[in-house]
Amino acid sequence: MQTNQNSSQQEQTTNEDNNFTKVTYKKMKQVRKNIGTGKQSKGFSGQERKVWLYIYTVKRSTTTEIIEEYLSTKEGFQEVEIMVKEIPSEENRLKRFVLSAPLEKKEELYKLEFWPSGVGIKRFDFSKHKDLLQEGANFL
């Protein structure tokens, strides 16, 4: 009988020792953005918010002027200030560009039917293009 008691005590001990704690992941807190809405003061105002796009798989013959002209022909983009810069690439590779436009145009710019067939678009990732950012104001 004692052996049965010992074995049941061992089972309880091993069960207690094998209690695992469930892993819970910490939820990321969303940083709340507080943007002023008051009147602009002389020389003191906020920067206009922009959307940044990475345009890729573009033919080698394409220039920034061609893209800017294409965008100016689209409805609602005639009076919009858009910046297009070429990202340097090897001679035998397709071209790629970075585009910045006012944030209000984001929805339209992300529509696939807005762009010519075969042109790729996605959000510009500043962390992948640190070398361009080091060039500073000459690039952006």
N, C-alpha and C. Protein backbone atom coordinates (compact mmCIF):
# COMPACT_ATOMS: atom_id res chain seq x y z
N MET A 1 0.80 -1.19 0.00
CA MET A 1 0.00 0.00 0.00
C MET A 1 0.85 1.26 0.00
N GLN A 2 1.91 1.18 0.68
CA GLN A 2 2.75 2.36 0.73
C GLN A 2 3.31 2.70 -0.64
N THR A 3 3.56 1.70 -1.42
CA THR A 3 4.09 1.98 -2.76
C THR A 3 3.08 2.73 -3.60
N ASN A 4 1.80 2.42 -3.44
CA ASN A 4 0.76 3.14 -4.17
C ASN A 4 0.70 4.59 -3.73
N GLN A 5 0.82 4.82 -2.44
CA GLN A 5 0.80 6.19 -1.94
C GLN A 5 2.01 6.96 -2.45
N ASN A 6 3.16 6.31 -2.45
CA ASN A 6 4.38 6.97 -2.93
C ASN A 6 4.25 7.33 -4.41
N SER A 7 3.71 6.40 -5.20
CA SER A 7 3.60 6.67 -6.64
C SER A 7 2.59 7.80 -6.90
N SER A 8 1.50 7.84 -6.12
CA SER A 8 0.53 8.92 -6.31
C SER A 8 1.13 10.25 -5.86
N GLN A 9 1.96 10.23 -4.82
CA GLN A 9 2.62 11.46 -4.39
C GLN A 9 3.62 11.92 -5.46
N GLN A 10 4.30 10.99 -6.10
CA GLN A 10 5.24 11.34 -7.15
C GLN A 10 4.50 11.96 -8.34
N GLU A 11 3.35 11.39 -8.67
CA GLU A 11 2.58 11.93 -9.79
C GLU A 11 2.14 13.36 -9.50
N GLN A 12 1.70 13.60 -8.28
CA GLN A 12 1.28 14.94 -7.90
C GLN A 12 2.47 15.90 -7.98
N THR A 13 3.61 15.45 -7.51
CA THR A 13 4.80 16.29 -7.53
C THR A 13 5.21 16.62 -8.96
N THR A 14 5.24 15.60 -9.82
CA THR A 14 5.64 15.85 -11.21
C THR A 14 4.61 16.71 -11.93
N ASN A 15 3.34 16.52 -11.62
CA ASN A 15 2.31 17.37 -12.24
C ASN A 15 2.46 18.81 -11.79
N GLU A 16 2.77 19.01 -10.52
CA GLU A 16 2.97 20.36 -10.01
C GLU A 16 4.23 20.97 -10.60
N ASP A 17 5.27 20.15 -10.79
CA ASP A 17 6.52 20.66 -11.36
C ASP A 17 6.36 21.01 -12.84
N ASN A 18 5.46 20.33 -13.53
CA ASN A 18 5.28 20.55 -14.96
C ASN A 18 4.27 21.64 -15.29
N ASN A 19 3.84 22.38 -14.30
CA ASN A 19 2.92 23.48 -14.58
C ASN A 19 3.65 24.55 -15.38
N PHE A 20 3.13 24.78 -16.55
CA PHE A 20 3.74 25.78 -17.42
C PHE A 20 2.89 27.04 -17.36
N THR A 21 3.56 28.15 -17.49
CA THR A 21 2.80 29.39 -17.56
C THR A 21 2.54 29.71 -19.02
N LYS A 22 1.37 30.13 -19.29
CA LYS A 22 0.97 30.44 -20.66
C LYS A 22 1.66 31.74 -21.07
N VAL A 23 2.26 31.71 -22.26
CA VAL A 23 2.95 32.88 -22.76
C VAL A 23 1.93 33.87 -23.28
N THR A 24 2.02 35.07 -22.81
CA THR A 24 1.15 36.12 -23.32
C THR A 24 2.03 37.19 -23.94
N TYR A 25 1.59 37.72 -25.03
CA TYR A 25 2.36 38.73 -25.74
C TYR A 25 1.87 40.11 -25.36
N LYS A 26 2.82 41.00 -25.20
CA LYS A 26 2.50 42.36 -24.83
C LYS A 26 1.92 43.08 -26.03
N LYS A 27 0.80 43.72 -25.86
CA LYS A 27 0.19 44.46 -26.94
C LYS A 27 0.94 45.77 -27.14
N MET A 28 1.15 46.09 -28.40
CA MET A 28 1.82 47.35 -28.72
C MET A 28 0.85 48.50 -28.50
N LYS A 29 1.31 49.51 -27.82
CA LYS A 29 0.47 50.68 -27.61
C LYS A 29 0.51 51.54 -28.86
N GLN A 30 -0.64 52.02 -29.26
CA GLN A 30 -0.68 52.94 -30.38
C GLN A 30 -0.34 54.32 -29.86
N VAL A 31 0.61 54.95 -30.54
CA VAL A 31 0.99 56.29 -30.16
C VAL A 31 -0.05 57.24 -30.71
N ARG A 32 -0.57 58.03 -29.84
CA ARG A 32 -1.61 58.97 -30.22
C ARG A 32 -0.96 60.22 -30.81
N LYS A 33 -1.42 60.60 -31.98
CA LYS A 33 -0.87 61.78 -32.63
C LYS A 33 -1.79 62.96 -32.35
N ASN A 34 -1.23 63.98 -31.80
CA ASN A 34 -1.97 65.19 -31.52
C ASN A 34 -1.48 66.26 -32.47
N ILE A 35 -2.30 66.64 -33.43
CA ILE A 35 -1.91 67.62 -34.43
C ILE A 35 -2.78 68.85 -34.24
N GLY A 36 -2.11 69.99 -34.14
CA GLY A 36 -2.79 71.25 -33.90
C GLY A 36 -3.74 71.64 -35.01
N THR A 37 -4.78 72.38 -34.63
CA THR A 37 -5.77 72.82 -35.61
C THR A 37 -5.97 74.34 -35.57
N GLY A 38 -5.21 75.03 -34.76
CA GLY A 38 -5.36 76.48 -34.62
C GLY A 38 -4.86 77.24 -35.82
N LYS A 39 -4.95 78.56 -35.74
CA LYS A 39 -4.50 79.43 -36.82
C LYS A 39 -2.98 79.41 -36.92
N GLN A 40 -2.50 79.57 -38.15
CA GLN A 40 -1.06 79.63 -38.36
C GLN A 40 -0.55 80.99 -37.95
N SER A 41 0.62 80.98 -37.34
CA SER A 41 1.24 82.21 -36.90
C SER A 41 2.33 82.58 -37.90
N LYS A 42 2.84 83.78 -37.82
CA LYS A 42 3.91 84.22 -38.73
C LYS A 42 5.12 83.31 -38.58
N GLY A 43 5.44 82.59 -39.64
CA GLY A 43 6.64 81.75 -39.65
C GLY A 43 6.54 80.48 -38.83
N PHE A 44 5.41 80.22 -38.21
CA PHE A 44 5.28 79.02 -37.38
C PHE A 44 4.05 78.24 -37.82
N SER A 45 4.30 77.12 -38.49
CA SER A 45 3.20 76.27 -38.93
C SER A 45 3.73 74.85 -39.11
N GLY A 46 2.83 73.92 -39.23
CA GLY A 46 3.20 72.53 -39.40
C GLY A 46 3.50 72.21 -40.86
N GLN A 47 4.22 71.15 -41.07
CA GLN A 47 4.54 70.68 -42.41
C GLN A 47 3.35 69.93 -42.99
N GLU A 48 3.11 70.08 -44.28
CA GLU A 48 2.04 69.36 -44.94
C GLU A 48 2.36 67.86 -44.92
N ARG A 49 1.37 67.04 -44.57
CA ARG A 49 1.58 65.59 -44.53
C ARG A 49 1.56 65.05 -45.95
N LYS A 50 2.43 64.07 -46.21
CA LYS A 50 2.58 63.53 -47.56
C LYS A 50 2.50 62.02 -47.57
N VAL A 51 2.20 61.48 -48.73
CA VAL A 51 2.25 60.04 -48.97
C VAL A 51 3.52 59.81 -49.80
N TRP A 52 4.26 58.75 -49.47
CA TRP A 52 5.49 58.41 -50.16
C TRP A 52 5.32 57.05 -50.81
N LEU A 53 5.54 56.99 -52.13
CA LEU A 53 5.38 55.75 -52.88
C LEU A 53 6.68 55.33 -53.53
N TYR A 54 6.87 54.02 -53.59
CA TYR A 54 8.00 53.41 -54.29
C TYR A 54 7.43 52.87 -55.59
N ILE A 55 7.92 53.38 -56.72
CA ILE A 55 7.45 52.95 -58.03
C ILE A 55 8.57 52.12 -58.65
N TYR A 56 8.26 50.89 -59.05
CA TYR A 56 9.30 49.99 -59.55
C TYR A 56 8.83 49.25 -60.80
N THR A 57 9.72 48.49 -61.39
CA THR A 57 9.55 47.80 -62.68
C THR A 57 9.11 48.78 -63.78
N VAL A 58 9.89 49.84 -63.91
CA VAL A 58 9.63 50.88 -64.90
C VAL A 58 10.70 50.76 -65.99
N LYS A 59 10.30 50.93 -67.26
CA LYS A 59 11.24 50.83 -68.38
C LYS A 59 12.40 51.82 -68.22
N ARG A 60 13.57 51.45 -68.75
CA ARG A 60 14.77 52.28 -68.66
C ARG A 60 14.59 53.63 -69.35
N SER A 61 13.75 53.70 -70.34
CA SER A 61 13.57 54.95 -71.09
C SER A 61 12.74 55.99 -70.34
N THR A 62 12.11 55.60 -69.25
CA THR A 62 11.24 56.50 -68.48
C THR A 62 12.08 57.48 -67.67
N THR A 63 11.63 58.74 -67.63
CA THR A 63 12.30 59.78 -66.84
C THR A 63 11.32 60.34 -65.81
N THR A 64 11.83 61.13 -64.90
CA THR A 64 10.96 61.76 -63.90
C THR A 64 9.95 62.69 -64.57
N GLU A 65 10.38 63.36 -65.64
CA GLU A 65 9.49 64.27 -66.36
C GLU A 65 8.31 63.52 -66.97
N ILE A 66 8.56 62.32 -67.51
CA ILE A 66 7.48 61.52 -68.10
C ILE A 66 6.46 61.13 -67.04
N ILE A 67 6.94 60.74 -65.85
CA ILE A 67 6.02 60.36 -64.77
C ILE A 67 5.23 61.57 -64.30
N GLU A 68 5.90 62.72 -64.14
CA GLU A 68 5.21 63.94 -63.71
C GLU A 68 4.15 64.35 -64.74
N GLU A 69 4.46 64.22 -66.02
CA GLU A 69 3.50 64.55 -67.08
C GLU A 69 2.32 63.58 -67.04
N TYR A 70 2.59 62.30 -66.84
CA TYR A 70 1.53 61.30 -66.74
C TYR A 70 0.58 61.64 -65.58
N LEU A 71 1.15 61.99 -64.44
CA LEU A 71 0.32 62.31 -63.27
C LEU A 71 -0.50 63.59 -63.50
N SER A 72 0.08 64.56 -64.18
CA SER A 72 -0.65 65.82 -64.41
C SER A 72 -1.82 65.65 -65.36
N THR A 73 -1.84 64.56 -66.16
CA THR A 73 -2.97 64.31 -67.04
C THR A 73 -4.13 63.63 -66.32
N LYS A 74 -3.86 63.09 -65.14
CA LYS A 74 -4.91 62.40 -64.37
C LYS A 74 -5.85 63.43 -63.72
N GLU A 75 -7.12 63.06 -63.65
CA GLU A 75 -8.12 63.94 -63.07
C GLU A 75 -7.82 64.22 -61.60
N GLY A 76 -7.84 65.50 -61.22
CA GLY A 76 -7.61 65.90 -59.85
C GLY A 76 -6.13 66.10 -59.51
N PHE A 77 -5.24 65.89 -60.46
CA PHE A 77 -3.80 66.03 -60.20
C PHE A 77 -3.17 67.20 -60.96
N GLN A 78 -3.97 68.03 -61.65
CA GLN A 78 -3.43 69.12 -62.45
C GLN A 78 -2.75 70.17 -61.57
N GLU A 79 -3.32 70.50 -60.45
CA GLU A 79 -2.81 71.56 -59.59
C GLU A 79 -2.05 71.04 -58.36
N VAL A 80 -1.80 69.72 -58.33
CA VAL A 80 -1.19 69.09 -57.15
C VAL A 80 0.33 69.11 -57.29
N GLU A 81 1.00 69.49 -56.20
CA GLU A 81 2.47 69.49 -56.19
C GLU A 81 2.96 68.07 -55.89
N ILE A 82 3.62 67.48 -56.89
CA ILE A 82 4.13 66.11 -56.76
C ILE A 82 5.61 66.11 -57.05
N MET A 83 6.38 65.40 -56.22
CA MET A 83 7.82 65.29 -56.42
C MET A 83 8.13 63.86 -56.83
N VAL A 84 8.90 63.69 -57.90
CA VAL A 84 9.33 62.38 -58.37
C VAL A 84 10.85 62.41 -58.48
N LYS A 85 11.51 61.43 -57.86
CA LYS A 85 12.97 61.31 -57.93
C LYS A 85 13.33 59.89 -58.34
N GLU A 86 14.34 59.79 -59.19
CA GLU A 86 14.81 58.48 -59.62
C GLU A 86 15.74 57.90 -58.56
N ILE A 87 15.59 56.62 -58.28
CA ILE A 87 16.49 55.91 -57.39
C ILE A 87 17.56 55.27 -58.27
N PRO A 88 18.83 55.56 -58.02
CA PRO A 88 19.89 55.02 -58.88
C PRO A 88 19.85 53.49 -58.92
N SER A 89 20.06 52.94 -60.13
CA SER A 89 20.08 51.50 -60.31
C SER A 89 21.11 51.16 -61.38
N GLU A 90 21.44 49.89 -61.48
CA GLU A 90 22.41 49.45 -62.47
C GLU A 90 21.86 49.62 -63.87
N GLU A 91 22.75 49.73 -64.85
CA GLU A 91 22.36 49.97 -66.24
C GLU A 91 21.45 48.89 -66.83
N ASN A 92 21.64 47.64 -66.44
CA ASN A 92 20.85 46.54 -67.01
C ASN A 92 19.59 46.22 -66.21
N ARG A 93 19.26 47.03 -65.23
CA ARG A 93 18.07 46.80 -64.39
C ARG A 93 16.97 47.78 -64.77
N LEU A 94 15.74 47.42 -64.41
CA LEU A 94 14.62 48.33 -64.62
C LEU A 94 14.75 49.51 -63.66
N LYS A 95 14.15 50.63 -64.02
CA LYS A 95 14.24 51.83 -63.18
C LYS A 95 13.24 51.77 -62.03
N ARG A 96 13.53 52.58 -61.02
CA ARG A 96 12.64 52.72 -59.87
C ARG A 96 12.68 54.17 -59.41
N PHE A 97 11.57 54.60 -58.83
CA PHE A 97 11.41 56.00 -58.45
C PHE A 97 10.76 56.09 -57.08
N VAL A 98 10.94 57.25 -56.46
CA VAL A 98 10.21 57.58 -55.23
C VAL A 98 9.34 58.78 -55.56
N LEU A 99 8.10 58.75 -55.09
CA LEU A 99 7.14 59.81 -55.37
C LEU A 99 6.56 60.31 -54.06
N SER A 100 6.43 61.62 -53.93
CA SER A 100 5.73 62.17 -52.77
C SER A 100 4.63 63.08 -53.26
N ALA A 101 3.48 63.00 -52.60
CA ALA A 101 2.30 63.78 -52.95
C ALA A 101 1.54 64.09 -51.66
N PRO A 102 0.62 65.05 -51.70
CA PRO A 102 -0.19 65.35 -50.51
C PRO A 102 -0.96 64.11 -50.05
N LEU A 103 -1.11 63.98 -48.75
CA LEU A 103 -1.76 62.82 -48.15
C LEU A 103 -3.20 62.63 -48.66
N GLU A 104 -3.86 63.70 -49.07
CA GLU A 104 -5.23 63.60 -49.56
C GLU A 104 -5.33 62.74 -50.81
N LYS A 105 -4.24 62.56 -51.54
CA LYS A 105 -4.24 61.80 -52.79
C LYS A 105 -3.86 60.33 -52.60
N LYS A 106 -3.70 59.90 -51.36
CA LYS A 106 -3.25 58.54 -51.06
C LYS A 106 -4.15 57.47 -51.67
N GLU A 107 -5.45 57.59 -51.46
CA GLU A 107 -6.40 56.57 -51.95
C GLU A 107 -6.28 56.41 -53.46
N GLU A 108 -6.23 57.51 -54.18
CA GLU A 108 -6.15 57.46 -55.63
C GLU A 108 -4.83 56.86 -56.10
N LEU A 109 -3.74 57.21 -55.44
CA LEU A 109 -2.41 56.74 -55.85
C LEU A 109 -2.23 55.24 -55.62
N TYR A 110 -2.93 54.67 -54.65
CA TYR A 110 -2.79 53.25 -54.36
C TYR A 110 -3.72 52.37 -55.23
N LYS A 111 -4.58 52.97 -56.02
CA LYS A 111 -5.44 52.19 -56.91
C LYS A 111 -4.60 51.66 -58.06
N LEU A 112 -4.69 50.35 -58.31
CA LEU A 112 -3.88 49.74 -59.36
C LEU A 112 -4.26 50.24 -60.76
N GLU A 113 -5.53 50.56 -60.96
CA GLU A 113 -5.96 51.04 -62.27
C GLU A 113 -5.46 52.46 -62.56
N PHE A 114 -4.94 53.13 -61.57
CA PHE A 114 -4.38 54.47 -61.75
C PHE A 114 -3.07 54.42 -62.54
N TRP A 115 -2.33 53.32 -62.39
CA TRP A 115 -0.99 53.20 -62.96
C TRP A 115 -1.00 52.38 -64.24
N PRO A 116 -0.02 52.62 -65.14
CA PRO A 116 0.07 51.82 -66.37
C PRO A 116 0.34 50.35 -66.06
N SER A 117 -0.02 49.50 -67.00
CA SER A 117 0.16 48.06 -66.84
C SER A 117 1.64 47.72 -66.63
N GLY A 118 1.92 46.87 -65.66
CA GLY A 118 3.28 46.41 -65.40
C GLY A 118 4.08 47.24 -64.41
N VAL A 119 3.58 48.41 -64.04
CA VAL A 119 4.27 49.27 -63.08
C VAL A 119 3.89 48.84 -61.68
N GLY A 120 4.90 48.64 -60.83
CA GLY A 120 4.66 48.25 -59.45
C GLY A 120 4.67 49.45 -58.52
N ILE A 121 3.80 49.42 -57.52
CA ILE A 121 3.77 50.49 -56.51
C ILE A 121 3.64 49.88 -55.14
N LYS A 122 4.29 50.51 -54.18
CA LYS A 122 4.11 50.16 -52.77
C LYS A 122 4.60 51.32 -51.92
N ARG A 123 4.35 51.23 -50.63
CA ARG A 123 4.77 52.28 -49.72
C ARG A 123 6.29 52.38 -49.72
N PHE A 124 6.81 53.58 -49.76
CA PHE A 124 8.26 53.78 -49.73
C PHE A 124 8.76 53.48 -48.33
N ASP A 125 9.73 52.59 -48.24
CA ASP A 125 10.30 52.18 -46.95
C ASP A 125 11.61 52.92 -46.73
N PHE A 126 11.58 53.93 -45.88
CA PHE A 126 12.75 54.75 -45.64
C PHE A 126 13.91 53.94 -45.05
N SER A 127 13.60 52.91 -44.26
CA SER A 127 14.66 52.12 -43.64
C SER A 127 15.46 51.31 -44.66
N LYS A 128 14.86 50.96 -45.79
CA LYS A 128 15.57 50.20 -46.83
C LYS A 128 16.44 51.09 -47.70
N HIS A 129 16.21 52.38 -47.66
CA HIS A 129 16.93 53.31 -48.54
C HIS A 129 17.71 54.34 -47.72
N LYS A 130 18.39 53.88 -46.69
CA LYS A 130 19.15 54.77 -45.83
C LYS A 130 20.26 55.49 -46.58
N ASP A 131 20.84 54.79 -47.58
CA ASP A 131 21.92 55.40 -48.35
C ASP A 131 21.42 56.64 -49.10
N LEU A 132 20.18 56.63 -49.55
CA LEU A 132 19.62 57.80 -50.24
C LEU A 132 19.36 58.94 -49.26
N LEU A 133 18.95 58.59 -48.06
CA LEU A 133 18.66 59.61 -47.05
C LEU A 133 19.93 60.33 -46.61
N GLN A 134 21.07 59.63 -46.68
CA GLN A 134 22.34 60.26 -46.30
C GLN A 134 22.73 61.34 -47.29
N GLU A 135 22.22 61.24 -48.53
CA GLU A 135 22.48 62.28 -49.51
C GLU A 135 21.80 63.58 -49.10
N GLY A 136 20.77 63.45 -48.28
CA GLY A 136 20.11 64.61 -47.71
C GLY A 136 19.18 65.33 -48.65
N ALA A 137 19.23 66.65 -48.60
CA ALA A 137 18.30 67.49 -49.34
C ALA A 137 18.42 67.31 -50.84
N ASN A 138 19.55 66.87 -51.34
CA ASN A 138 19.70 66.67 -52.78
C ASN A 138 18.77 65.58 -53.28
N PHE A 139 18.47 64.62 -52.44
CA PHE A 139 17.59 63.53 -52.87
C PHE A 139 16.13 63.85 -52.58
N LEU A 140 15.82 64.12 -51.32
CA LEU A 140 14.43 64.38 -50.94
C LEU A 140 14.22 65.86 -50.88
